[in-house]
Full PDB file with SEQRES, HELIX, SHEET, SSBOND, CRYST1, ORIGX, SCALE, CONECT and MASTER records, all heavy atoms in Angstrom:
SEQRES   1 A   43  SER LEU ARG LEU SER CYS ALA ALA SER ILE HIS THR PHE          
SEQRES   2 A   43  SER ALA TYR ALA MET ALA TRP PHE ARG GLN ALA PRO GLY          
SEQRES   3 A   43  LYS GLU ARG GLU PHE VAL ALA HIS ILE THR ARG SER GLY          
SEQRES   4 A   43  GLY ILE THR ASN                                              
HELIX    1 AA1 PHE A   13  ALA A   15  5                                   3    
SHEET    1 AA1 2 MET A  18  ARG A  22  0                                        
SHEET    2 AA1 2 GLU A  30  ILE A  35 -1                                        
CRYST1    1.000    1.000    1.000  90.00  90.00  90.00 P 1           1          
ORIGX1      1.000000  0.000000  0.000000        0.00000                         
ORIGX2      0.000000  1.000000  0.000000        0.00000                         
ORIGX3      0.000000  0.000000  1.000000        0.00000                         
SCALE1      1.000000  0.000000  0.000000        0.00000                         
SCALE2      0.000000  1.000000  0.000000        0.00000                         
SCALE3      0.000000  0.000000  1.000000        0.00000                         
ATOM      1  N   SER A   1       1.181   2.444  18.697  1.00  0.00           N  
ATOM      2  CA  SER A   1       0.917   1.671  17.480  1.00  0.00           C  
ATOM      3  C   SER A   1      -0.408   2.085  16.860  1.00  0.00           C  
ATOM      4  O   SER A   1      -1.328   2.536  17.557  1.00  0.00           O  
ATOM      5  CB  SER A   1       0.864   0.170  17.810  1.00  0.00           C  
ATOM      6  OG  SER A   1       2.087  -0.294  18.307  1.00  0.00           O  
ATOM      7  N   LEU A   2      -0.491   1.900  15.550  1.00  0.00           N  
ATOM      8  CA  LEU A   2      -1.728   2.062  14.805  1.00  0.00           C  
ATOM      9  C   LEU A   2      -1.753   1.018  13.704  1.00  0.00           C  
ATOM     10  O   LEU A   2      -0.693   0.599  13.206  1.00  0.00           O  
ATOM     11  CB  LEU A   2      -1.834   3.447  14.163  1.00  0.00           C  
ATOM     12  CG  LEU A   2      -2.224   4.638  15.032  1.00  0.00           C  
ATOM     13  CD1 LEU A   2      -2.132   5.919  14.215  1.00  0.00           C  
ATOM     14  CD2 LEU A   2      -3.613   4.478  15.617  1.00  0.00           C  
ATOM     15  N   ARG A   3      -2.959   0.641  13.299  1.00  0.00           N  
ATOM     16  CA  ARG A   3      -3.121  -0.268  12.168  1.00  0.00           C  
ATOM     17  C   ARG A   3      -4.006   0.405  11.132  1.00  0.00           C  
ATOM     18  O   ARG A   3      -5.186   0.677  11.396  1.00  0.00           O  
ATOM     19  CB  ARG A   3      -3.756  -1.578  12.599  1.00  0.00           C  
ATOM     20  CG  ARG A   3      -3.762  -2.641  11.499  1.00  0.00           C  
ATOM     21  CD  ARG A   3      -4.697  -3.764  11.854  1.00  0.00           C  
ATOM     22  NE  ARG A   3      -4.470  -4.957  11.057  1.00  0.00           N  
ATOM     23  CZ  ARG A   3      -5.380  -5.917  10.903  1.00  0.00           C  
ATOM     24  NH1 ARG A   3      -6.557  -5.815  11.499  1.00  0.00           N  
ATOM     25  NH2 ARG A   3      -5.098  -6.980  10.171  1.00  0.00           N  
ATOM     26  N   LEU A   4      -3.428   0.669   9.977  1.00  0.00           N  
ATOM     27  CA  LEU A   4      -4.186   1.242   8.885  1.00  0.00           C  
ATOM     28  C   LEU A   4      -4.774   0.131   8.018  1.00  0.00           C  
ATOM     29  O   LEU A   4      -4.149  -0.921   7.844  1.00  0.00           O  
ATOM     30  CB  LEU A   4      -3.310   2.142   8.025  1.00  0.00           C  
ATOM     31  CG  LEU A   4      -2.562   3.265   8.731  1.00  0.00           C  
ATOM     32  CD1 LEU A   4      -1.806   4.109   7.715  1.00  0.00           C  
ATOM     33  CD2 LEU A   4      -3.495   4.110   9.568  1.00  0.00           C  
ATOM     34  N   SER A   5      -5.944   0.403   7.479  1.00  0.00           N  
ATOM     35  CA  SER A   5      -6.586  -0.521   6.547  1.00  0.00           C  
ATOM     36  C   SER A   5      -6.910   0.212   5.260  1.00  0.00           C  
ATOM     37  O   SER A   5      -7.173   1.417   5.268  1.00  0.00           O  
ATOM     38  CB  SER A   5      -7.883  -1.087   7.143  1.00  0.00           C  
ATOM     39  OG  SER A   5      -7.636  -1.814   8.320  1.00  0.00           O  
ATOM     40  N   CYS A   6      -6.910  -0.519   4.167  1.00  0.00           N  
ATOM     41  CA  CYS A   6      -7.297   0.039   2.871  1.00  0.00           C  
ATOM     42  C   CYS A   6      -8.226  -0.970   2.212  1.00  0.00           C  
ATOM     43  O   CYS A   6      -7.783  -2.063   1.820  1.00  0.00           O  
ATOM     44  CB  CYS A   6      -6.079   0.294   2.004  1.00  0.00           C  
ATOM     45  SG  CYS A   6      -6.460   0.756   0.300  1.00  0.00           S  
ATOM     46  N   ALA A   7      -9.479  -0.597   2.119  1.00  0.00           N  
ATOM     47  CA  ALA A   7     -10.479  -1.458   1.486  1.00  0.00           C  
ATOM     48  C   ALA A   7     -10.581  -1.105   0.017  1.00  0.00           C  
ATOM     49  O   ALA A   7     -10.761   0.064  -0.342  1.00  0.00           O  
ATOM     50  CB  ALA A   7     -11.822  -1.282   2.175  1.00  0.00           C  
ATOM     51  N   ALA A   8     -10.475  -2.113  -0.825  1.00  0.00           N  
ATOM     52  CA  ALA A   8     -10.457  -1.887  -2.267  1.00  0.00           C  
ATOM     53  C   ALA A   8     -11.703  -2.446  -2.925  1.00  0.00           C  
ATOM     54  O   ALA A   8     -12.070  -3.597  -2.686  1.00  0.00           O  
ATOM     55  CB  ALA A   8      -9.220  -2.549  -2.865  1.00  0.00           C  
ATOM     56  N   SER A   9     -12.313  -1.612  -3.740  1.00  0.00           N  
ATOM     57  CA  SER A   9     -13.433  -2.093  -4.563  1.00  0.00           C  
ATOM     58  C   SER A   9     -12.862  -2.470  -5.922  1.00  0.00           C  
ATOM     59  O   SER A   9     -12.910  -1.693  -6.875  1.00  0.00           O  
ATOM     60  CB  SER A   9     -14.501  -1.013  -4.697  1.00  0.00           C  
ATOM     61  OG  SER A   9     -13.959   0.112  -5.351  1.00  0.00           O  
ATOM     62  N   ILE A  10     -12.265  -3.652  -5.958  1.00  0.00           N  
ATOM     63  CA  ILE A  10     -11.603  -4.165  -7.165  1.00  0.00           C  
ATOM     64  C   ILE A  10     -12.118  -5.568  -7.394  1.00  0.00           C  
ATOM     65  O   ILE A  10     -12.106  -6.391  -6.488  1.00  0.00           O  
ATOM     66  CB  ILE A  10     -10.072  -4.195  -6.997  1.00  0.00           C  
ATOM     67  CG1 ILE A  10      -9.523  -2.791  -6.720  1.00  0.00           C  
ATOM     68  CG2 ILE A  10      -9.411  -4.782  -8.243  1.00  0.00           C  
ATOM     69  CD1 ILE A  10      -8.043  -2.746  -6.463  1.00  0.00           C  
ATOM     70  N   HIS A  11     -12.519  -5.844  -8.626  1.00  0.00           N  
ATOM     71  CA  HIS A  11     -13.094  -7.151  -8.937  1.00  0.00           C  
ATOM     72  C   HIS A  11     -12.085  -8.268  -8.742  1.00  0.00           C  
ATOM     73  O   HIS A  11     -12.421  -9.342  -8.229  1.00  0.00           O  
ATOM     74  CB  HIS A  11     -13.630  -7.152 -10.363  1.00  0.00           C  
ATOM     75  CG  HIS A  11     -14.289  -8.441 -10.743  1.00  0.00           C  
ATOM     76  ND1 HIS A  11     -15.411  -8.918 -10.090  1.00  0.00           N  
ATOM     77  CD2 HIS A  11     -13.982  -9.368 -11.678  1.00  0.00           C  
ATOM     78  CE1 HIS A  11     -15.774 -10.073 -10.628  1.00  0.00           C  
ATOM     79  NE2 HIS A  11     -14.917 -10.361 -11.590  1.00  0.00           N  
ATOM     80  N   THR A  12     -10.831  -8.006  -9.135  1.00  0.00           N  
ATOM     81  CA  THR A  12      -9.783  -9.022  -8.997  1.00  0.00           C  
ATOM     82  C   THR A  12      -8.647  -8.434  -8.171  1.00  0.00           C  
ATOM     83  O   THR A  12      -7.551  -8.148  -8.680  1.00  0.00           O  
ATOM     84  CB  THR A  12      -9.267  -9.455 -10.379  1.00  0.00           C  
ATOM     85  OG1 THR A  12      -8.915  -8.268 -11.117  1.00  0.00           O  
ATOM     86  CG2 THR A  12     -10.313 -10.227 -11.141  1.00  0.00           C  
ATOM     87  N   PHE A  13      -8.898  -8.267  -6.894  1.00  0.00           N  
ATOM     88  CA  PHE A  13      -7.933  -7.619  -6.002  1.00  0.00           C  
ATOM     89  C   PHE A  13      -6.584  -8.319  -6.027  1.00  0.00           C  
ATOM     90  O   PHE A  13      -5.548  -7.668  -5.964  1.00  0.00           O  
ATOM     91  CB  PHE A  13      -8.517  -7.608  -4.587  1.00  0.00           C  
ATOM     92  CG  PHE A  13      -7.626  -6.980  -3.562  1.00  0.00           C  
ATOM     93  CD1 PHE A  13      -7.375  -5.616  -3.580  1.00  0.00           C  
ATOM     94  CD2 PHE A  13      -7.049  -7.750  -2.560  1.00  0.00           C  
ATOM     95  CE1 PHE A  13      -6.570  -5.016  -2.621  1.00  0.00           C  
ATOM     96  CE2 PHE A  13      -6.236  -7.172  -1.596  1.00  0.00           C  
ATOM     97  CZ  PHE A  13      -5.999  -5.800  -1.629  1.00  0.00           C  
ATOM     98  N   SER A  14      -6.607  -9.628  -6.126  1.00  0.00           N  
ATOM     99  CA  SER A  14      -5.365 -10.395  -6.099  1.00  0.00           C  
ATOM    100  C   SER A  14      -4.491 -10.156  -7.325  1.00  0.00           C  
ATOM    101  O   SER A  14      -3.356 -10.619  -7.362  1.00  0.00           O  
ATOM    102  CB  SER A  14      -5.677 -11.886  -5.974  1.00  0.00           C  
ATOM    103  OG  SER A  14      -6.446 -12.324  -7.082  1.00  0.00           O  
ATOM    104  N   ALA A  15      -4.991  -9.445  -8.312  1.00  0.00           N  
ATOM    105  CA  ALA A  15      -4.206  -9.128  -9.506  1.00  0.00           C  
ATOM    106  C   ALA A  15      -3.438  -7.818  -9.363  1.00  0.00           C  
ATOM    107  O   ALA A  15      -2.689  -7.444 -10.274  1.00  0.00           O  
ATOM    108  CB  ALA A  15      -5.116  -9.052 -10.726  1.00  0.00           C  
ATOM    109  N   TYR A  16      -3.624  -7.143  -8.239  1.00  0.00           N  
ATOM    110  CA  TYR A  16      -3.035  -5.820  -8.035  1.00  0.00           C  
ATOM    111  C   TYR A  16      -1.927  -5.846  -6.997  1.00  0.00           C  
ATOM    112  O   TYR A  16      -2.112  -6.379  -5.894  1.00  0.00           O  
ATOM    113  CB  TYR A  16      -4.095  -4.827  -7.576  1.00  0.00           C  
ATOM    114  CG  TYR A  16      -5.039  -4.397  -8.679  1.00  0.00           C  
ATOM    115  CD1 TYR A  16      -6.036  -5.263  -9.131  1.00  0.00           C  
ATOM    116  CD2 TYR A  16      -4.938  -3.138  -9.255  1.00  0.00           C  
ATOM    117  CE1 TYR A  16      -6.894  -4.887 -10.143  1.00  0.00           C  
ATOM    118  CE2 TYR A  16      -5.793  -2.749 -10.258  1.00  0.00           C  
ATOM    119  CZ  TYR A  16      -6.773  -3.627 -10.703  1.00  0.00           C  
ATOM    120  OH  TYR A  16      -7.622  -3.234 -11.706  1.00  0.00           O  
ATOM    121  N   ALA A  17      -0.785  -5.256  -7.364  1.00  0.00           N  
ATOM    122  CA  ALA A  17       0.231  -4.945  -6.374  1.00  0.00           C  
ATOM    123  C   ALA A  17      -0.258  -3.747  -5.576  1.00  0.00           C  
ATOM    124  O   ALA A  17      -0.881  -2.830  -6.127  1.00  0.00           O  
ATOM    125  CB  ALA A  17       1.544  -4.608  -7.063  1.00  0.00           C  
ATOM    126  N   MET A  18       0.030  -3.753  -4.284  1.00  0.00           N  
ATOM    127  CA  MET A  18      -0.460  -2.696  -3.399  1.00  0.00           C  
ATOM    128  C   MET A  18       0.704  -2.045  -2.663  1.00  0.00           C  
ATOM    129  O   MET A  18       1.744  -2.680  -2.422  1.00  0.00           O  
ATOM    130  CB  MET A  18      -1.439  -3.281  -2.382  1.00  0.00           C  
ATOM    131  CG  MET A  18      -2.644  -3.971  -2.987  1.00  0.00           C  
ATOM    132  SD  MET A  18      -3.697  -2.848  -3.922  1.00  0.00           S  
ATOM    133  CE  MET A  18      -4.266  -1.753  -2.634  1.00  0.00           C  
ATOM    134  N   ALA A  19       0.501  -0.786  -2.292  1.00  0.00           N  
ATOM    135  CA  ALA A  19       1.562  -0.057  -1.589  1.00  0.00           C  
ATOM    136  C   ALA A  19       0.956   0.988  -0.671  1.00  0.00           C  
ATOM    137  O   ALA A  19      -0.204   1.384  -0.821  1.00  0.00           O  
ATOM    138  CB  ALA A  19       2.498   0.599  -2.591  1.00  0.00           C  
ATOM    139  N   TRP A  20       1.772   1.423   0.262  1.00  0.00           N  
ATOM    140  CA  TRP A  20       1.461   2.565   1.116  1.00  0.00           C  
ATOM    141  C   TRP A  20       2.507   3.641   0.881  1.00  0.00           C  
ATOM    142  O   TRP A  20       3.708   3.347   0.803  1.00  0.00           O  
ATOM    143  CB  TRP A  20       1.457   2.181   2.588  1.00  0.00           C  
ATOM    144  CG  TRP A  20       0.300   1.344   3.009  1.00  0.00           C  
ATOM    145  CD1 TRP A  20       0.254  -0.020   3.081  1.00  0.00           C  
ATOM    146  CD2 TRP A  20      -0.980   1.805   3.444  1.00  0.00           C  
ATOM    147  NE1 TRP A  20      -0.975  -0.435   3.512  1.00  0.00           N  
ATOM    148  CE2 TRP A  20      -1.762   0.679   3.756  1.00  0.00           C  
ATOM    149  CE3 TRP A  20      -1.556   3.072   3.595  1.00  0.00           C  
ATOM    150  CZ2 TRP A  20      -3.078   0.770   4.206  1.00  0.00           C  
ATOM    151  CZ3 TRP A  20      -2.858   3.165   4.045  1.00  0.00           C  
ATOM    152  CH2 TRP A  20      -3.611   2.027   4.346  1.00  0.00           C  
ATOM    153  N   PHE A  21       2.037   4.873   0.774  1.00  0.00           N  
ATOM    154  CA  PHE A  21       2.878   6.057   0.702  1.00  0.00           C  
ATOM    155  C   PHE A  21       2.438   7.014   1.803  1.00  0.00           C  
ATOM    156  O   PHE A  21       1.368   6.842   2.390  1.00  0.00           O  
ATOM    157  CB  PHE A  21       2.722   6.740  -0.663  1.00  0.00           C  
ATOM    158  CG  PHE A  21       3.421   6.032  -1.788  1.00  0.00           C  
ATOM    159  CD1 PHE A  21       2.898   4.862  -2.324  1.00  0.00           C  
ATOM    160  CD2 PHE A  21       4.593   6.532  -2.325  1.00  0.00           C  
ATOM    161  CE1 PHE A  21       3.525   4.203  -3.368  1.00  0.00           C  
ATOM    162  CE2 PHE A  21       5.234   5.889  -3.372  1.00  0.00           C  
ATOM    163  CZ  PHE A  21       4.699   4.717  -3.895  1.00  0.00           C  
ATOM    164  N   ARG A  22       3.245   8.016   2.066  1.00  0.00           N  
ATOM    165  CA  ARG A  22       2.864   9.042   3.030  1.00  0.00           C  
ATOM    166  C   ARG A  22       3.384  10.400   2.577  1.00  0.00           C  
ATOM    167  O   ARG A  22       4.352  10.489   1.830  1.00  0.00           O  
ATOM    168  CB  ARG A  22       3.388   8.707   4.423  1.00  0.00           C  
ATOM    169  CG  ARG A  22       4.900   8.754   4.573  1.00  0.00           C  
ATOM    170  CD  ARG A  22       5.292   8.262   5.961  1.00  0.00           C  
ATOM    171  NE  ARG A  22       6.745   8.313   6.157  1.00  0.00           N  
ATOM    172  CZ  ARG A  22       7.365   7.849   7.237  1.00  0.00           C  
ATOM    173  NH1 ARG A  22       6.661   7.272   8.225  1.00  0.00           N  
ATOM    174  NH2 ARG A  22       8.680   7.934   7.349  1.00  0.00           N  
ATOM    175  N   GLN A  23       2.707  11.429   3.054  1.00  0.00           N  
ATOM    176  CA  GLN A  23       3.089  12.790   2.721  1.00  0.00           C  
ATOM    177  C   GLN A  23       2.948  13.674   3.941  1.00  0.00           C  
ATOM    178  O   GLN A  23       1.830  13.858   4.452  1.00  0.00           O  
ATOM    179  CB  GLN A  23       2.252  13.330   1.564  1.00  0.00           C  
ATOM    180  CG  GLN A  23       2.729  14.662   1.021  1.00  0.00           C  
ATOM    181  CD  GLN A  23       2.084  15.005  -0.304  1.00  0.00           C  
ATOM    182  OE1 GLN A  23       1.064  14.441  -0.692  1.00  0.00           O  
ATOM    183  NE2 GLN A  23       2.699  15.913  -1.036  1.00  0.00           N  
ATOM    184  N   ALA A  24       4.063  14.206   4.372  1.00  0.00           N  
ATOM    185  CA  ALA A  24       4.075  15.141   5.499  1.00  0.00           C  
ATOM    186  C   ALA A  24       3.914  16.563   4.974  1.00  0.00           C  
ATOM    187  O   ALA A  24       4.216  16.834   3.804  1.00  0.00           O  
ATOM    188  CB  ALA A  24       5.381  15.003   6.270  1.00  0.00           C  
ATOM    189  N   PRO A  25       3.461  17.481   5.807  1.00  0.00           N  
ATOM    190  CA  PRO A  25       3.270  18.869   5.351  1.00  0.00           C  
ATOM    191  C   PRO A  25       4.549  19.450   4.768  1.00  0.00           C  
ATOM    192  O   PRO A  25       5.621  19.354   5.375  1.00  0.00           O  
ATOM    193  CB  PRO A  25       2.862  19.595   6.632  1.00  0.00           C  
ATOM    194  CG  PRO A  25       2.245  18.545   7.485  1.00  0.00           C  
ATOM    195  CD  PRO A  25       3.016  17.293   7.201  1.00  0.00           C  
ATOM    196  N   GLY A  26       4.441  20.026   3.577  1.00  0.00           N  
ATOM    197  CA  GLY A  26       5.576  20.670   2.949  1.00  0.00           C  
ATOM    198  C   GLY A  26       6.583  19.728   2.319  1.00  0.00           C  
ATOM    199  O   GLY A  26       7.626  20.174   1.829  1.00  0.00           O  
ATOM    200  N   LYS A  27       6.266  18.436   2.318  1.00  0.00           N  
ATOM    201  CA  LYS A  27       7.184  17.450   1.745  1.00  0.00           C  
ATOM    202  C   LYS A  27       6.530  16.685   0.609  1.00  0.00           C  
ATOM    203  O   LYS A  27       5.299  16.662   0.478  1.00  0.00           O  
ATOM    204  CB  LYS A  27       7.662  16.480   2.828  1.00  0.00           C  
ATOM    205  CG  LYS A  27       8.489  17.134   3.917  1.00  0.00           C  
ATOM    206  CD  LYS A  27       9.063  16.096   4.854  1.00  0.00           C  
ATOM    207  CE  LYS A  27       9.956  16.729   5.905  1.00  0.00           C  
ATOM    208  NZ  LYS A  27      10.561  15.710   6.808  1.00  0.00           N  
ATOM    209  N   GLU A  28       7.348  16.031  -0.185  1.00  0.00           N  
ATOM    210  CA  GLU A  28       6.827  15.217  -1.263  1.00  0.00           C  
ATOM    211  C   GLU A  28       6.288  13.895  -0.716  1.00  0.00           C  
ATOM    212  O   GLU A  28       6.691  13.427   0.348  1.00  0.00           O  
ATOM    213  CB  GLU A  28       7.929  14.931  -2.291  1.00  0.00           C  
ATOM    214  CG  GLU A  28       8.397  16.158  -3.046  1.00  0.00           C  
ATOM    215  CD  GLU A  28       9.371  15.816  -4.147  1.00  0.00           C  
ATOM    216  OE1 GLU A  28       9.806  14.647  -4.228  1.00  0.00           O  
ATOM    217  OE2 GLU A  28       9.709  16.715  -4.932  1.00  0.00           O  
ATOM    218  N   ARG A  29       5.381  13.320  -1.494  1.00  0.00           N  
ATOM    219  CA  ARG A  29       4.863  12.010  -1.116  1.00  0.00           C  
ATOM    220  C   ARG A  29       5.993  10.979  -1.235  1.00  0.00           C  
ATOM    221  O   ARG A  29       6.714  10.944  -2.225  1.00  0.00           O  
ATOM    222  CB  ARG A  29       3.695  11.635  -2.033  1.00  0.00           C  
ATOM    223  CG  ARG A  29       2.892  10.451  -1.563  1.00  0.00           C  
ATOM    224  CD  ARG A  29       1.616  10.285  -2.359  1.00  0.00           C  
ATOM    225  NE  ARG A  29       0.741  11.444  -2.212  1.00  0.00           N  
ATOM    226  CZ  ARG A  29      -0.510  11.500  -2.662  1.00  0.00           C  
ATOM    227  NH1 ARG A  29      -1.030  10.449  -3.289  1.00  0.00           N  
ATOM    228  NH2 ARG A  29      -1.228  12.577  -2.491  1.00  0.00           N  
ATOM    229  N   GLU A  30       6.111  10.115  -0.217  1.00  0.00           N  
ATOM    230  CA  GLU A  30       7.206   9.163  -0.207  1.00  0.00           C  
ATOM    231  C   GLU A  30       6.717   7.739   0.018  1.00  0.00           C  
ATOM    232  O   GLU A  30       5.704   7.504   0.678  1.00  0.00           O  
ATOM    233  CB  GLU A  30       8.219   9.524   0.887  1.00  0.00           C  
ATOM    234  CG  GLU A  30       7.700   9.419   2.294  1.00  0.00           C  
ATOM    235  CD  GLU A  30       8.790   9.654   3.341  1.00  0.00           C  
ATOM    236  OE1 GLU A  30       9.933   9.976   2.975  1.00  0.00           O  
ATOM    237  OE2 GLU A  30       8.491   9.476   4.538  1.00  0.00           O  
ATOM    238  N   PHE A  31       7.474   6.803  -0.532  1.00  0.00           N  
ATOM    239  CA  PHE A  31       7.176   5.383  -0.420  1.00  0.00           C  
ATOM    240  C   PHE A  31       7.331   4.918   1.028  1.00  0.00           C  
ATOM    241  O   PHE A  31       8.276   5.311   1.714  1.00  0.00           O  
ATOM    242  CB  PHE A  31       8.129   4.609  -1.329  1.00  0.00           C  
ATOM    243  CG  PHE A  31       8.090   3.127  -1.142  1.00  0.00           C  
ATOM    244  CD1 PHE A  31       7.095   2.362  -1.732  1.00  0.00           C  
ATOM    245  CD2 PHE A  31       9.050   2.477  -0.389  1.00  0.00           C  
ATOM    246  CE1 PHE A  31       7.052   0.995  -1.569  1.00  0.00           C  
ATOM    247  CE2 PHE A  31       9.041   1.105  -0.223  1.00  0.00           C  
ATOM    248  CZ  PHE A  31       8.032   0.367  -0.814  1.00  0.00           C  
ATOM    249  N   VAL A  32       6.421   4.041   1.450  1.00  0.00           N  
ATOM    250  CA  VAL A  32       6.506   3.450   2.790  1.00  0.00           C  
ATOM    251  C   VAL A  32       6.685   1.938   2.683  1.00  0.00           C  
ATOM    252  O   VAL A  32       7.616   1.378   3.250  1.00  0.00           O  
ATOM    253  CB  VAL A  32       5.253   3.774   3.620  1.00  0.00           C  
ATOM    254  CG1 VAL A  32       5.283   3.026   4.953  1.00  0.00           C  
ATOM    255  CG2 VAL A  32       5.118   5.273   3.838  1.00  0.00           C  
ATOM    256  N   ALA A  33       5.775   1.273   1.951  1.00  0.00           N  
ATOM    257  CA  ALA A  33       5.820  -0.190   1.875  1.00  0.00           C  
ATOM    258  C   ALA A  33       5.066  -0.676   0.645  1.00  0.00           C  
ATOM    259  O   ALA A  33       4.171   0.005   0.136  1.00  0.00           O  
ATOM    260  CB  ALA A  33       5.228  -0.815   3.127  1.00  0.00           C  
ATOM    261  N   HIS A  34       5.443  -1.874   0.192  1.00  0.00           N  
ATOM    262  CA  HIS A  34       4.827  -2.487  -0.979  1.00  0.00           C  
ATOM    263  C   HIS A  34       4.630  -3.971  -0.723  1.00  0.00           C  
ATOM    264  O   HIS A  34       5.425  -4.583   0.006  1.00  0.00           O  
ATOM    265  CB  HIS A  34       5.733  -2.264  -2.196  1.00  0.00           C  
ATOM    266  CG  HIS A  34       5.580  -3.293  -3.282  1.00  0.00           C  
ATOM    267  ND1 HIS A  34       6.383  -4.407  -3.363  1.00  0.00           N  
ATOM    268  CD2 HIS A  34       4.694  -3.376  -4.319  1.00  0.00           C  
ATOM    269  CE1 HIS A  34       6.016  -5.138  -4.414  1.00  0.00           C  
ATOM    270  NE2 HIS A  34       5.002  -4.529  -5.002  1.00  0.00           N  
ATOM    271  N   ILE A  35       3.595  -4.541  -1.296  1.00  0.00           N  
ATOM    272  CA  ILE A  35       3.356  -5.980  -1.186  1.00  0.00           C  
ATOM    273  C   ILE A  35       2.916  -6.522  -2.539  1.00  0.00           C  
ATOM    274  O   ILE A  35       2.144  -5.874  -3.253  1.00  0.00           O  
ATOM    275  CB  ILE A  35       2.308  -6.267  -0.083  1.00  0.00           C  
ATOM    276  CG1 ILE A  35       2.212  -7.763   0.213  1.00  0.00           C  
ATOM    277  CG2 ILE A  35       0.942  -5.682  -0.444  1.00  0.00           C  
ATOM    278  CD1 ILE A  35       1.457  -8.068   1.502  1.00  0.00           C  
ATOM    279  N   THR A  36       3.451  -7.674  -2.889  1.00  0.00           N  
ATOM    280  CA  THR A  36       3.112  -8.274  -4.168  1.00  0.00           C  
ATOM    281  C   THR A  36       1.691  -8.830  -4.157  1.00  0.00           C  
ATOM    282  O   THR A  36       1.031  -8.882  -3.115  1.00  0.00           O  
ATOM    283  CB  THR A  36       4.095  -9.400  -4.505  1.00  0.00           C  
ATOM    284  OG1 THR A  36       4.141 -10.328  -3.412  1.00  0.00           O  
ATOM    285  CG2 THR A  36       5.487  -8.852  -4.752  1.00  0.00           C  
ATOM    286  N   ARG A  37       1.253  -9.260  -5.303  1.00  0.00           N  
ATOM    287  CA  ARG A  37      -0.143  -9.676  -5.470  1.00  0.00           C  
ATOM    288  C   ARG A  37      -0.522 -10.829  -4.551  1.00  0.00           C  
ATOM    289  O   ARG A  37      -1.623 -10.845  -3.997  1.00  0.00           O  
ATOM    290  CB  ARG A  37      -0.393 -10.059  -6.932  1.00  0.00           C  
ATOM    291  CG  ARG A  37      -0.243  -8.895  -7.884  1.00  0.00           C  
ATOM    292  CD  ARG A  37      -0.291  -9.351  -9.331  1.00  0.00           C  
ATOM    293  NE  ARG A  37       0.816 -10.243  -9.659  1.00  0.00           N  
ATOM    294  CZ  ARG A  37       0.939 -10.873 -10.811  1.00  0.00           C  
ATOM    295  NH1 ARG A  37       0.018 -10.728 -11.746  1.00  0.00           N  
ATOM    296  NH2 ARG A  37       1.980 -11.644 -11.041  1.00  0.00           N  
ATOM    297  N   SER A  38       0.384 -11.746  -4.353  1.00  0.00           N  
ATOM    298  CA  SER A  38       0.099 -12.898  -3.485  1.00  0.00           C  
ATOM    299  C   SER A  38       0.399 -12.615  -2.023  1.00  0.00           C  
ATOM    300  O   SER A  38      -0.003 -13.382  -1.143  1.00  0.00           O  
ATOM    301  CB  SER A  38       0.933 -14.094  -3.929  1.00  0.00           C  
ATOM    302  OG  SER A  38       2.309 -13.842  -3.689  1.00  0.00           O  
ATOM    303  N   GLY A  39       1.122 -11.533  -1.782  1.00  0.00           N  
ATOM    304  CA  GLY A  39       1.547 -11.221  -0.421  1.00  0.00           C  
ATOM    305  C   GLY A  39       2.863 -11.869  -0.044  1.00  0.00           C  
ATOM    306  O   GLY A  39       3.321 -11.722   1.084  1.00  0.00           O  
ATOM    307  N   GLY A  40       3.487 -12.550  -0.987  1.00  0.00           N  
ATOM    308  CA  GLY A  40       4.687 -13.295  -0.669  1.00  0.00           C  
ATOM    309  C   GLY A  40       5.948 -12.461  -0.537  1.00  0.00           C  
ATOM    310  O   GLY A  40       6.920 -12.896   0.097  1.00  0.00           O  
ATOM    311  N   ILE A  41       5.942 -11.281  -1.116  1.00  0.00           N  
ATOM    312  CA  ILE A  41       7.127 -10.405  -1.062  1.00  0.00           C  
ATOM    313  C   ILE A  41       6.692  -9.023  -0.605  1.00  0.00           C  
ATOM    314  O   ILE A  41       5.688  -8.492  -1.077  1.00  0.00           O  
ATOM    315  CB  ILE A  41       7.810 -10.309  -2.441  1.00  0.00           C  
ATOM    316  CG1 ILE A  41       8.326 -11.686  -2.875  1.00  0.00           C  
ATOM    317  CG2 ILE A  41       8.953  -9.301  -2.403  1.00  0.00           C  
ATOM    318  CD1 ILE A  41       8.889 -11.719  -4.277  1.00  0.00           C  
ATOM    319  N   THR A  42       7.467  -8.463   0.319  1.00  0.00           N  
ATOM    320  CA  THR A  42       7.211  -7.114   0.807  1.00  0.00           C  
ATOM    321  C   THR A  42       8.492  -6.287   0.715  1.00  0.00           C  
ATOM    322  O   THR A  42       9.605  -6.825   0.751  1.00  0.00           O  
ATOM    323  CB  THR A  42       6.716  -7.120   2.256  1.00  0.00           C  
ATOM    324  OG1 THR A  42       7.683  -7.802   3.075  1.00  0.00           O  
ATOM    325  CG2 THR A  42       5.377  -7.823   2.372  1.00  0.00           C  
ATOM    326  N   ASN A  43       8.321  -4.990   0.584  1.00  0.00           N  
ATOM    327  CA  ASN A  43       9.440  -4.056   0.554  1.00  0.00           C  
ATOM    328  C   ASN A  43       9.106  -2.872   1.451  1.00  0.00           C  
ATOM    329  O   ASN A  43       7.939  -2.473   1.532  1.00  0.00           O  
ATOM    330  CB  ASN A  43       9.691  -3.550  -0.874  1.00  0.00           C  
ATOM    331  CG  ASN A  43      10.103  -4.644  -1.823  1.00  0.00           C  
ATOM    332  OD1 ASN A  43      11.239  -5.086  -1.822  1.00  0.00           O  
ATOM    333  ND2 ASN A  43       9.169  -5.121  -2.632  1.00  0.00           N  
TER     334      ASN A  43                                                      
MASTER        0    0    0    1    2    0    0    6  333    1    0    4          
END                                                                             
């Protein structure tokens, strides 16, 4: 297991939808996960 963190320097962080993507060597960047502004919905 690993836990990644992303620290944001955003004045109103709660106004931003956030996501994680990943890119393996030789491949396109791909979607991993998304979370809504309140955290109530994830994909």
